[in-house]
């Protein structure tokens, strides 16, 4: 069907010339698509490397923060356990204020 329309519109003498131009266009587009695909792959490879480096840095940062928070929590817990007077009385009330030795 397409060939019949091409013969009618272009004429039999121009069909070989148009076919060559179409073949060149298809070859050009194929080369362009291959080049574009290679460029995209290169960019994705670079982005993947950057992502992996950043992920490693963030994992290290997260581990450091976890260690610091754990260490701080352990220190607070140890300080509270070593403290002589309670911060909150068993009934939930704050401890009574300390009286200085000169006051009765």
PDB file of N, CA and C in Angstrom:
ATOM      1  N   UNK A   1       0.824  -1.191   0.000  1.00  0.00           N
ATOM      2  CA  UNK A   1       0.000   0.000   0.000  1.00  0.00           C
ATOM      3  C   UNK A   1       0.871   1.260   0.000  1.00  0.00           C
ATOM      4  N   UNK A   2       1.894   1.280   0.887  1.00  0.00           N
ATOM      5  CA  UNK A   2       2.791   2.435   0.959  1.00  0.00           C
ATOM      6  C   UNK A   2       3.571   2.582  -0.341  1.00  0.00           C
ATOM      7  N   UNK A   3       4.001   1.452  -0.919  1.00  0.00           N
ATOM      8  CA  UNK A   3       4.752   1.506  -2.181  1.00  0.00           C
ATOM      9  C   UNK A   3       3.887   2.075  -3.309  1.00  0.00           C
ATOM     10  N   UNK A   4       2.654   1.693  -3.345  1.00  0.00           N
ATOM     11  CA  UNK A   4       1.764   2.192  -4.402  1.00  0.00           C
ATOM     12  C   UNK A   4       1.590   3.703  -4.259  1.00  0.00           C
ATOM     13  N   UNK A   5       1.395   4.173  -3.041  1.00  0.00           N
ATOM     14  CA  UNK A   5       1.242   5.613  -2.813  1.00  0.00           C
ATOM     15  C   UNK A   5       2.545   6.338  -3.178  1.00  0.00           C
ATOM     16  N   UNK A   6       3.705   5.757  -2.820  1.00  0.00           N
ATOM     17  CA  UNK A   6       4.993   6.364  -3.146  1.00  0.00           C
ATOM     18  C   UNK A   6       5.187   6.465  -4.654  1.00  0.00           C
ATOM     19  N   UNK A   7       4.831   5.423  -5.399  1.00  0.00           N
ATOM     20  CA  UNK A   7       4.967   5.450  -6.858  1.00  0.00           C
ATOM     21  C   UNK A   7       4.073   6.525  -7.441  1.00  0.00           C
ATOM     22  N   UNK A   8       2.875   6.657  -6.920  1.00  0.00           N
ATOM     23  CA  UNK A   8       1.945   7.667  -7.445  1.00  0.00           C
ATOM     24  C   UNK A   8       2.442   9.071  -7.124  1.00  0.00           C
ATOM     25  N   UNK A   9       2.900   9.315  -5.883  1.00  0.00           N
ATOM     26  CA  UNK A   9       3.302  10.660  -5.469  1.00  0.00           C
ATOM     27  C   UNK A   9       4.669  11.038  -6.051  1.00  0.00           C
ATOM     28  N   UNK A  10       5.622  10.139  -5.961  1.00  0.00           N
ATOM     29  CA  UNK A  10       6.994  10.453  -6.358  1.00  0.00           C
ATOM     30  C   UNK A  10       7.288  10.128  -7.830  1.00  0.00           C
ATOM     31  N   UNK A  11       6.673   9.151  -8.319  1.00  0.00           N
ATOM     32  CA  UNK A  11       6.970   8.692  -9.675  1.00  0.00           C
ATOM     33  C   UNK A  11       8.050   7.622  -9.628  1.00  0.00           C
ATOM     34  N   UNK A  12       8.055   6.728 -10.598  1.00  0.00           N
ATOM     35  CA  UNK A  12       8.990   5.604 -10.564  1.00  0.00           C
ATOM     36  C   UNK A  12      10.456   6.026 -10.670  1.00  0.00           C
ATOM     37  N   UNK A  13      10.759   7.143 -11.302  1.00  0.00           N
ATOM     38  CA  UNK A  13      12.160   7.548 -11.457  1.00  0.00           C
ATOM     39  C   UNK A  13      12.765   8.130 -10.179  1.00  0.00           C
ATOM     40  N   UNK A  14      11.984   8.666  -9.250  1.00  0.00           N
ATOM     41  CA  UNK A  14      12.504   9.264  -8.011  1.00  0.00           C
ATOM     42  C   UNK A  14      12.524   8.286  -6.837  1.00  0.00           C
ATOM     43  N   UNK A  15      11.892   7.152  -6.941  1.00  0.00           N
ATOM     44  CA  UNK A  15      11.821   6.186  -5.827  1.00  0.00           C
ATOM     45  C   UNK A  15      13.214   5.716  -5.397  1.00  0.00           C
ATOM     46  N   UNK A  16      14.142   5.333  -6.294  1.00  0.00           N
ATOM     47  CA  UNK A  16      15.473   4.909  -5.827  1.00  0.00           C
ATOM     48  C   UNK A  16      16.215   6.019  -5.065  1.00  0.00           C
ATOM     49  N   UNK A  17      16.098   7.262  -5.531  1.00  0.00           N
ATOM     50  CA  UNK A  17      16.752   8.385  -4.859  1.00  0.00           C
ATOM     51  C   UNK A  17      16.174   8.600  -3.454  1.00  0.00           C
ATOM     52  N   UNK A  18      14.873   8.533  -3.322  1.00  0.00           N
ATOM     53  CA  UNK A  18      14.216   8.691  -2.027  1.00  0.00           C
ATOM     54  C   UNK A  18      14.565   7.520  -1.109  1.00  0.00           C
ATOM     55  N   UNK A  19      14.651   6.316  -1.669  1.00  0.00           N
ATOM     56  CA  UNK A  19      15.007   5.140  -0.867  1.00  0.00           C
ATOM     57  C   UNK A  19      16.409   5.292  -0.293  1.00  0.00           C
ATOM     58  N   UNK A  20      17.346   5.821  -1.082  1.00  0.00           N
ATOM     59  CA  UNK A  20      18.712   6.052  -0.595  1.00  0.00           C
ATOM     60  C   UNK A  20      18.693   7.095   0.526  1.00  0.00           C
ATOM     61  N   UNK A  21      17.944   8.159   0.359  1.00  0.00           N
ATOM     62  CA  UNK A  21      17.849   9.188   1.398  1.00  0.00           C
ATOM     63  C   UNK A  21      17.225   8.636   2.677  1.00  0.00           C
ATOM     64  N   UNK A  22      16.222   7.802   2.526  1.00  0.00           N
ATOM     65  CA  UNK A  22      15.595   7.174   3.705  1.00  0.00           C
ATOM     66  C   UNK A  22      16.590   6.256   4.408  1.00  0.00           C
ATOM     67  N   UNK A  23      17.352   5.491   3.629  1.00  0.00           N
ATOM     68  CA  UNK A  23      18.355   4.594   4.209  1.00  0.00           C
ATOM     69  C   UNK A  23      19.408   5.390   4.972  1.00  0.00           C
ATOM     70  N   UNK A  24      19.849   6.526   4.393  1.00  0.00           N
ATOM     71  CA  UNK A  24      20.831   7.381   5.082  1.00  0.00           C
ATOM     72  C   UNK A  24      20.243   7.934   6.386  1.00  0.00           C
ATOM     73  N   UNK A  25      19.001   8.356   6.334  1.00  0.00           N
ATOM     74  CA  UNK A  25      18.352   8.903   7.535  1.00  0.00           C
ATOM     75  C   UNK A  25      18.230   7.839   8.617  1.00  0.00           C
ATOM     76  N   UNK A  26      17.852   6.633   8.222  1.00  0.00           N
ATOM     77  CA  UNK A  26      17.731   5.537   9.197  1.00  0.00           C
ATOM     78  C   UNK A  26      19.093   5.211   9.790  1.00  0.00           C
ATOM     79  N   UNK A  27      20.135   5.178   8.942  1.00  0.00           N
ATOM     80  CA  UNK A  27      21.487   4.903   9.436  1.00  0.00           C
ATOM     81  C   UNK A  27      21.945   6.005  10.399  1.00  0.00           C
ATOM     82  N   UNK A  28      21.684   7.272  10.041  1.00  0.00           N
ATOM     83  CA  UNK A  28      22.055   8.398  10.904  1.00  0.00           C
ATOM     84  C   UNK A  28      21.335   8.298  12.246  1.00  0.00           C
ATOM     85  N   UNK A  29      20.043   8.049  12.200  1.00  0.00           N
ATOM     86  CA  UNK A  29      19.268   7.950  13.437  1.00  0.00           C
ATOM     87  C   UNK A  29      19.725   6.768  14.287  1.00  0.00           C
ATOM     88  N   UNK A  30      20.067   5.653  13.637  1.00  0.00           N
ATOM     89  CA  UNK A  30      20.582   4.502  14.386  1.00  0.00           C
ATOM     90  C   UNK A  30      21.884   4.836  15.078  1.00  0.00           C
ATOM     91  N   UNK A  31      22.796   5.533  14.364  1.00  0.00           N
ATOM     92  CA  UNK A  31      24.065   5.953  14.971  1.00  0.00           C
ATOM     93  C   UNK A  31      23.842   6.938  16.102  1.00  0.00           C
ATOM     94  N   UNK A  32      22.911   7.860  15.887  1.00  0.00           N
ATOM     95  CA  UNK A  32      22.587   8.836  16.921  1.00  0.00           C
ATOM     96  C   UNK A  32      22.024   8.151  18.161  1.00  0.00           C
ATOM     97  N   UNK A  33      21.153   7.186  17.946  1.00  0.00           N
ATOM     98  CA  UNK A  33      20.563   6.459  19.081  1.00  0.00           C
ATOM     99  C   UNK A  33      21.637   5.678  19.829  1.00  0.00           C
ATOM    100  N   UNK A  34      22.563   5.059  19.093  1.00  0.00           N
ATOM    101  CA  UNK A  34      23.645   4.310  19.738  1.00  0.00           C
ATOM    102  C   UNK A  34      24.538   5.247  20.554  1.00  0.00           C
ATOM    103  N   UNK A  35      24.868   6.397  19.982  1.00  0.00           N
ATOM    104  CA  UNK A  35      25.697   7.368  20.682  1.00  0.00           C
ATOM    105  C   UNK A  35      24.984   7.918  21.916  1.00  0.00           C
ATOM    106  N   UNK A  36      23.707   8.222  21.774  1.00  0.00           N
ATOM    107  CA  UNK A  36      22.937   8.734  22.914  1.00  0.00           C
ATOM    108  C   UNK A  36      22.857   7.689  24.017  1.00  0.00           C
ATOM    109  N   UNK A  37      22.668   6.441  23.644  1.00  0.00           N
ATOM    110  CA  UNK A  37      22.606   5.360  24.635  1.00  0.00           C
ATOM    111  C   UNK A  37      23.934   5.227  25.365  1.00  0.00           C
ATOM    112  N   UNK A  38      25.045   5.308  24.630  1.00  0.00           N
ATOM    113  CA  UNK A  38      26.370   5.213  25.257  1.00  0.00           C
ATOM    114  C   UNK A  38      26.589   6.384  26.220  1.00  0.00           C
ATOM    115  N   UNK A  39      26.178   7.591  25.805  1.00  0.00           N
ATOM    116  CA  UNK A  39      26.324   8.760  26.684  1.00  0.00           C
ATOM    117  C   UNK A  39      25.504   8.597  27.958  1.00  0.00           C
ATOM    118  N   UNK A  40      24.299   8.108  27.812  1.00  0.00           N
ATOM    119  CA  UNK A  40      23.430   7.908  28.985  1.00  0.00           C
ATOM    120  C   UNK A  40      24.036   6.868  29.916  1.00  0.00           C
ATOM    121  N   UNK A  41      24.575   5.798  29.343  1.00  0.00           N
ATOM    122  CA  UNK A  41      25.209   4.763  30.183  1.00  0.00           C
ATOM    123  C   UNK A  41      26.401   5.336  30.939  1.00  0.00           C
ATOM    124  N   UNK A  42      27.221   6.154  30.255  1.00  0.00           N
ATOM    125  CA  UNK A  42      28.367   6.773  30.926  1.00  0.00           C
ATOM    126  C   UNK A  42      27.915   7.668  32.073  1.00  0.00           C
ATOM    127  N   UNK A  43      26.899   8.480  31.819  1.00  0.00           N
ATOM    128  CA  UNK A  43      26.389   9.372  32.864  1.00  0.00           C
ATOM    129  C   UNK A  43      25.834   8.576  34.040  1.00  0.00           C
ATOM    130  N   UNK A  44      25.086   7.530  33.737  1.00  0.00           N
ATOM    131  CA  UNK A  44      24.529   6.698  34.814  1.00  0.00           C
ATOM    132  C   UNK A  44      25.634   6.018  35.607  1.00  0.00           C
ATOM    133  N   UNK A  45      26.683   5.617  34.926  1.00  0.00           N
ATOM    134  CA  UNK A  45      27.811   4.999  35.625  1.00  0.00           C
ATOM    135  C   UNK A  45      28.457   5.995  36.576  1.00  0.00           C
ATOM    136  N   UNK A  46      28.664   7.228  36.099  1.00  0.00           N
ATOM    137  CA  UNK A  46      29.243   8.267  36.962  1.00  0.00           C
ATOM    138  C   UNK A  46      28.331   8.562  38.144  1.00  0.00           C
ATOM    139  N   UNK A  47      27.037   8.674  37.882  1.00  0.00           N
ATOM    140  CA  UNK A  47      26.090   8.949  38.962  1.00  0.00           C
ATOM    141  C   UNK A  47      26.048   7.808  39.972  1.00  0.00           C
ATOM    142  N   UNK A  48      26.151   6.582  39.483  1.00  0.00           N
ATOM    143  CA  UNK A  48      26.149   5.419  40.381  1.00  0.00           C
ATOM    144  C   UNK A  48      27.367   5.455  41.288  1.00  0.00           C
ATOM    145  N   UNK A  49      28.528   5.800  40.731  1.00  0.00           N
ATOM    146  CA  UNK A  49      29.747   5.895  41.548  1.00  0.00           C
ATOM    147  C   UNK A  49      29.596   6.973  42.613  1.00  0.00           C
ATOM    148  N   UNK A  50      29.087   8.147  42.219  1.00  0.00           N
ATOM    149  CA  UNK A  50      28.889   9.225  43.184  1.00  0.00           C
ATOM    150  C   UNK A  50      27.898   8.815  44.269  1.00  0.00           C
ATOM    151  N   UNK A  51      26.834   8.126  43.866  1.00  0.00           N
ATOM    152  CA  UNK A  51      25.828   7.667  44.830  1.00  0.00           C
ATOM    153  C   UNK A  51      26.459   6.710  45.830  1.00  0.00           C
ATOM    154  N   UNK A  52      27.260   5.767  45.344  1.00  0.00           N
ATOM    155  CA  UNK A  52      27.879   4.791  46.246  1.00  0.00           C
ATOM    156  C   UNK A  52      28.835   5.477  47.221  1.00  0.00           C
ATOM    157  N   UNK A  53      29.602   6.457  46.740  1.00  0.00           N
ATOM    158  CA  UNK A  53      30.508   7.180  47.629  1.00  0.00           C
ATOM    159  C   UNK A  53      29.727   7.936  48.698  1.00  0.00           C
ATOM    160  N   UNK A  54      28.653   8.596  48.279  1.00  0.00           N
ATOM    161  CA  UNK A  54      27.848   9.357  49.233  1.00  0.00           C
ATOM    162  C   UNK A  54      27.161   8.421  50.230  1.00  0.00           C
ATOM    163  N   UNK A  55      26.693   7.279  49.752  1.00  0.00           N
ATOM    164  CA  UNK A  55      26.042   6.312  50.634  1.00  0.00           C
ATOM    165  C   UNK A  55      27.028   5.815  51.686  1.00  0.00           C
ATOM    166  N   UNK A  56      28.279   5.554  51.275  1.00  0.00           N
ATOM    167  CA  UNK A  56      29.291   5.101  52.232  1.00  0.00           C
ATOM    168  C   UNK A  56      29.568   6.177  53.275  1.00  0.00           C
ATOM    169  N   UNK A  57      29.665   7.441  52.819  1.00  0.00           N
ATOM    170  CA  UNK A  57      29.889   8.537  53.765  1.00  0.00           C
ATOM    171  C   UNK A  57      28.729   8.664  54.749  1.00  0.00           C
ATOM    172  N   UNK A  58      27.507   8.575  54.241  1.00  0.00           N
ATOM    173  CA  UNK A  58      26.335   8.686  55.117  1.00  0.00           C
ATOM    174  C   UNK A  58      26.244   7.510  56.086  1.00  0.00           C
ATOM    175  N   UNK A  59      26.603   6.318  55.627  1.00  0.00           N
ATOM    176  CA  UNK A  59      26.607   5.160  56.530  1.00  0.00           C
ATOM    177  C   UNK A  59      27.621   5.372  57.653  1.00  0.00           C
ATOM    178  N   UNK A  60      28.800   5.885  57.311  1.00  0.00           N
ATOM    179  CA  UNK A  60      29.816   6.168  58.329  1.00  0.00           C
ATOM    180  C   UNK A  60      29.336   7.231  59.305  1.00  0.00           C
ATOM    181  N   UNK A  61      28.712   8.275  58.776  1.00  0.00           N
ATOM    182  CA  UNK A  61      28.166   9.342  59.618  1.00  0.00           C
ATOM    183  C   UNK A  61      27.095   8.785  60.553  1.00  0.00           C
ATOM    184  N   UNK A  62      26.220   7.929  60.017  1.00  0.00           N
ATOM    185  CA  UNK A  62      25.153   7.342  60.831  1.00  0.00           C
ATOM    186  C   UNK A  62      25.749   6.475  61.940  1.00  0.00           C
ATOM    187  N   UNK A  63      26.772   5.681  61.606  1.00  0.00           N
ATOM    188  CA  UNK A  63      27.412   4.841  62.635  1.00  0.00           C
ATOM    189  C   UNK A  63      28.045   5.709  63.724  1.00  0.00           C
ATOM    190  N   UNK A  64      28.724   6.798  63.308  1.00  0.00           N
ATOM    191  CA  UNK A  64      29.349   7.694  64.287  1.00  0.00           C
ATOM    192  C   UNK A  64      28.297   8.317  65.202  1.00  0.00           C
ATOM    193  N   UNK A  65      27.191   8.768  64.630  1.00  0.00           N
ATOM    194  CA  UNK A  65      26.118   9.371  65.428  1.00  0.00           C
ATOM    195  C   UNK A  65      25.536   8.334  66.391  1.00  0.00           C
ATOM    196  N   UNK A  66      25.321   7.114  65.907  1.00  0.00           N
ATOM    197  CA  UNK A  66      24.777   6.071  66.787  1.00  0.00           C
ATOM    198  C   UNK A  66      25.720   5.804  67.947  1.00  0.00           C
ATOM    199  N   UNK A  67      27.026   5.755  67.660  1.00  0.00           N
ATOM    200  CA  UNK A  67      27.991   5.526  68.740  1.00  0.00           C
ATOM    201  C   UNK A  67      27.954   6.676  69.737  1.00  0.00           C
ATOM    202  N   UNK A  68      27.897   7.914  69.227  1.00  0.00           N
ATOM    203  CA  UNK A  68      27.870   9.072  70.120  1.00  0.00           C
ATOM    204  C   UNK A  68      26.612   9.087  70.981  1.00  0.00           C
ATOM    205  N   UNK A  69      25.472   8.801  70.377  1.00  0.00           N
ATOM    206  CA  UNK A  69      24.207   8.795  71.129  1.00  0.00           C
ATOM    207  C   UNK A  69      24.216   7.666  72.156  1.00  0.00           C
ATOM    208  N   UNK A  70      24.701   6.503  71.766  1.00  0.00           N
ATOM    209  CA  UNK A  70      24.776   5.378  72.701  1.00  0.00           C
ATOM    210  C   UNK A  70      25.710   5.703  73.855  1.00  0.00           C
ATOM    211  N   UNK A  71      26.852   6.296  73.533  1.00  0.00           N
ATOM    212  CA  UNK A  71      27.811   6.672  74.570  1.00  0.00           C
ATOM    213  C   UNK A  71      27.206   7.704  75.520  1.00  0.00           C
ATOM    214  N   UNK A  72      26.530   8.690  74.956  1.00  0.00           N
ATOM    215  CA  UNK A  72      25.891   9.708  75.783  1.00  0.00           C
ATOM    216  C   UNK A  72      24.801   9.106  76.662  1.00  0.00           C
ATOM    217  N   UNK A  73      23.997   8.223  76.097  1.00  0.00           N
ATOM    218  CA  UNK A  73      22.936   7.583  76.879  1.00  0.00           C
ATOM    219  C   UNK A  73      23.535   6.736  77.998  1.00  0.00           C
ATOM    220  N   UNK A  74      24.613   6.027  77.699  1.00  0.00           N
ATOM    221  CA  UNK A  74      25.278   5.225  78.734  1.00  0.00           C
ATOM    222  C   UNK A  74      25.829   6.114  79.842  1.00  0.00           C
ATOM    223  N   UNK A  75      26.402   7.256  79.450  1.00  0.00           N
ATOM    224  CA  UNK A  75      26.953   8.168  80.453  1.00  0.00           C
ATOM    225  C   UNK A  75      25.858   8.762  81.324  1.00  0.00           C
ATOM    226  N   UNK A  76      24.757   9.144  80.724  1.00  0.00           N
ATOM    227  CA  UNK A  76      23.630   9.685  81.497  1.00  0.00           C
ATOM    228  C   UNK A  76      23.097   8.613  82.434  1.00  0.00           C
ATOM    229  N   UNK A  77      22.943   7.404  81.935  1.00  0.00           N
ATOM    230  CA  UNK A  77      22.452   6.304  82.768  1.00  0.00           C
ATOM    231  C   UNK A  77      23.397   6.044  83.937  1.00  0.00           C
ATOM    232  N   UNK A  78      24.697   6.020  83.654  1.00  0.00           N
ATOM    233  CA  UNK A  78      25.679   5.775  84.706  1.00  0.00           C
ATOM    234  C   UNK A  78      25.639   6.901  85.741  1.00  0.00           C
ATOM    235  N   UNK A  79      25.529   8.141  85.283  1.00  0.00           N
ATOM    236  CA  UNK A  79      25.476   9.285  86.198  1.00  0.00           C
ATOM    237  C   UNK A  79      24.237   9.212  87.081  1.00  0.00           C
ATOM    238  N   UNK A  80      23.112   8.858  86.480  1.00  0.00           N
ATOM    239  CA  UNK A  80      21.881   8.744  87.262  1.00  0.00           C
ATOM    240  C   UNK A  80      21.971   7.622  88.281  1.00  0.00           C
ATOM    241  N   UNK A  81      22.574   6.528  87.910  1.00  0.00           N
ATOM    242  CA  UNK A  81      22.700   5.402  88.856  1.00  0.00           C
ATOM    243  C   UNK A  81      23.660   5.731  89.997  1.00  0.00           C
ATOM    244  N   UNK A  82      24.700   6.522  89.701  1.00  0.00           N
ATOM    245  CA  UNK A  82      25.684   6.868  90.726  1.00  0.00           C
ATOM    246  C   UNK A  82      25.204   8.007  91.625  1.00  0.00           C
ATOM    247  N   UNK A  83      24.200   8.720  91.190  1.00  0.00           N
ATOM    248  CA  UNK A  83      23.699   9.858  91.944  1.00  0.00           C
ATOM    249  C   UNK A  83      23.158   9.381  93.291  1.00  0.00           C
ATOM    250  N   UNK A  84      23.434  10.152  94.340  1.00  0.00           N
ATOM    251  CA  UNK A  84      23.005   9.776  95.675  1.00  0.00           C
ATOM    252  C   UNK A  84      21.532  10.091  95.921  1.00  0.00           C
ATOM    253  N   UNK A  85      21.063  11.181  95.366  1.00  0.00           N
ATOM    254  CA  UNK A  85      19.674  11.520  95.633  1.00  0.00           C
ATOM    255  C   UNK A  85      18.862  11.345  94.355  1.00  0.00           C
ATOM    256  N   UNK A  86      17.632  10.939  94.505  1.00  0.00           N
ATOM    257  CA  UNK A  86      16.808  10.711  93.326  1.00  0.00           C
ATOM    258  C   UNK A  86      16.404  12.035  92.680  1.00  0.00           C
ATOM    259  N   UNK A  87      16.219  11.995  91.405  1.00  0.00           N
ATOM    260  CA  UNK A  87      15.753  13.180  90.686  1.00  0.00           C
ATOM    261  C   UNK A  87      14.258  13.341  90.915  1.00  0.00           C
ATOM    262  N   UNK A  88      13.551  12.243  90.961  1.00  0.00           N
ATOM    263  CA  UNK A  88      12.110  12.257  91.209  1.00  0.00           C
ATOM    264  C   UNK A  88      11.839  11.254  92.325  1.00  0.00           C
ATOM    265  N   UNK A  89      11.058  11.674  93.285  1.00  0.00           N
ATOM    266  CA  UNK A  89      10.688  10.801  94.394  1.00  0.00           C
ATOM    267  C   UNK A  89       9.797   9.665  93.873  1.00  0.00           C
ATOM    268  N   UNK A  90       9.726   8.558  94.606  1.00  0.00           N
ATOM    269  CA  UNK A  90       8.906   7.435  94.147  1.00  0.00           C
ATOM    270  C   UNK A  90       7.459   7.808  93.848  1.00  0.00           C
ATOM    271  N   UNK A  91       6.889   8.797  94.512  1.00  0.00           N
ATOM    272  CA  UNK A  91       5.507   9.210  94.262  1.00  0.00           C
ATOM    273  C   UNK A  91       5.373  10.093  93.030  1.00  0.00           C
ATOM    274  N   UNK A  92       6.470  10.473  92.407  1.00  0.00           N
ATOM    275  CA  UNK A  92       6.424  11.321  91.234  1.00  0.00           C
ATOM    276  C   UNK A  92       6.700  12.779  91.541  1.00  0.00           C
ATOM    277  N   UNK A  93       6.844  13.125  92.847  1.00  0.00           N
ATOM    278  CA  UNK A  93       7.106  14.508  93.214  1.00  0.00           C
ATOM    279  C   UNK A  93       8.611  14.778  93.155  1.00  0.00           C
ATOM    280  N   UNK A  94       8.978  16.033  92.921  1.00  0.00           N
ATOM    281  CA  UNK A  94      10.410  16.344  92.956  1.00  0.00           C
ATOM    282  C   UNK A  94      10.930  16.222  94.383  1.00  0.00           C
ATOM    283  N   UNK A  95      12.210  15.984  94.544  1.00  0.00           N
ATOM    284  CA  UNK A  95      12.759  15.858  95.902  1.00  0.00           C
ATOM    285  C   UNK A  95      12.667  17.188  96.640  1.00  0.00           C
ATOM    286  N   UNK A  96      12.610  17.141  97.959  1.00  0.00           N
ATOM    287  CA  UNK A  96      12.531  18.396  98.727  1.00  0.00           C
ATOM    288  C   UNK A  96      13.827  19.184  98.548  1.00  0.00           C
ATOM    289  N   UNK A  97      13.720  20.509  98.639  1.00  0.00           N
ATOM    290  CA  UNK A  97      14.937  21.324  98.486  1.00  0.00           C
ATOM    291  C   UNK A  97      15.903  21.042  99.633  1.00  0.00           C
ATOM    292  N   UNK A  98      17.186  21.151  99.318  1.00  0.00           N
ATOM    293  CA  UNK A  98      18.207  20.916 100.344  1.00  0.00           C
ATOM    294  C   UNK A  98      18.254  22.113 101.287  1.00  0.00           C
ATOM    295  N   UNK A  99      18.422  21.818 102.568  1.00  0.00           N
ATOM    296  CA  UNK A  99      18.546  22.882 103.552  1.00  0.00           C
ATOM    297  C   UNK A  99      20.028  23.033 103.867  1.00  0.00           C
ATOM    298  N   UNK A 100      20.469  24.277 103.959  1.00  0.00           N
ATOM    299  CA  UNK A 100      21.870  24.525 104.300  1.00  0.00           C
ATOM    300  C   UNK A 100      22.051  24.283 105.780  1.00  0.00           C
ATOM    301  N   UNK A 101      23.259  23.975 106.192  1.00  0.00           N
ATOM    302  CA  UNK A 101      23.527  23.572 107.572  1.00  0.00           C
ATOM    303  C   UNK A 101      23.179  24.667 108.569  1.00  0.00           C
ATOM    304  N   UNK A 102      23.277  25.894 108.238  1.00  0.00           N
ATOM    305  CA  UNK A 102      22.995  26.987 109.182  1.00  0.00           C
ATOM    306  C   UNK A 102      21.508  27.212 109.370  1.00  0.00           C
ATOM    307  N   UNK A 103      20.640  26.617 108.560  1.00  0.00           N
ATOM    308  CA  UNK A 103      19.216  26.844 108.665  1.00  0.00           C
ATOM    309  C   UNK A 103      18.536  25.682 109.362  1.00  0.00           C
ATOM    310  N   UNK A 104      17.529  25.960 110.186  1.00  0.00           N
ATOM    311  CA  UNK A 104      16.741  24.928 110.874  1.00  0.00           C
ATOM    312  C   UNK A 104      15.304  25.142 110.645  1.00  0.00           C
TER     313      UNK A 104
END
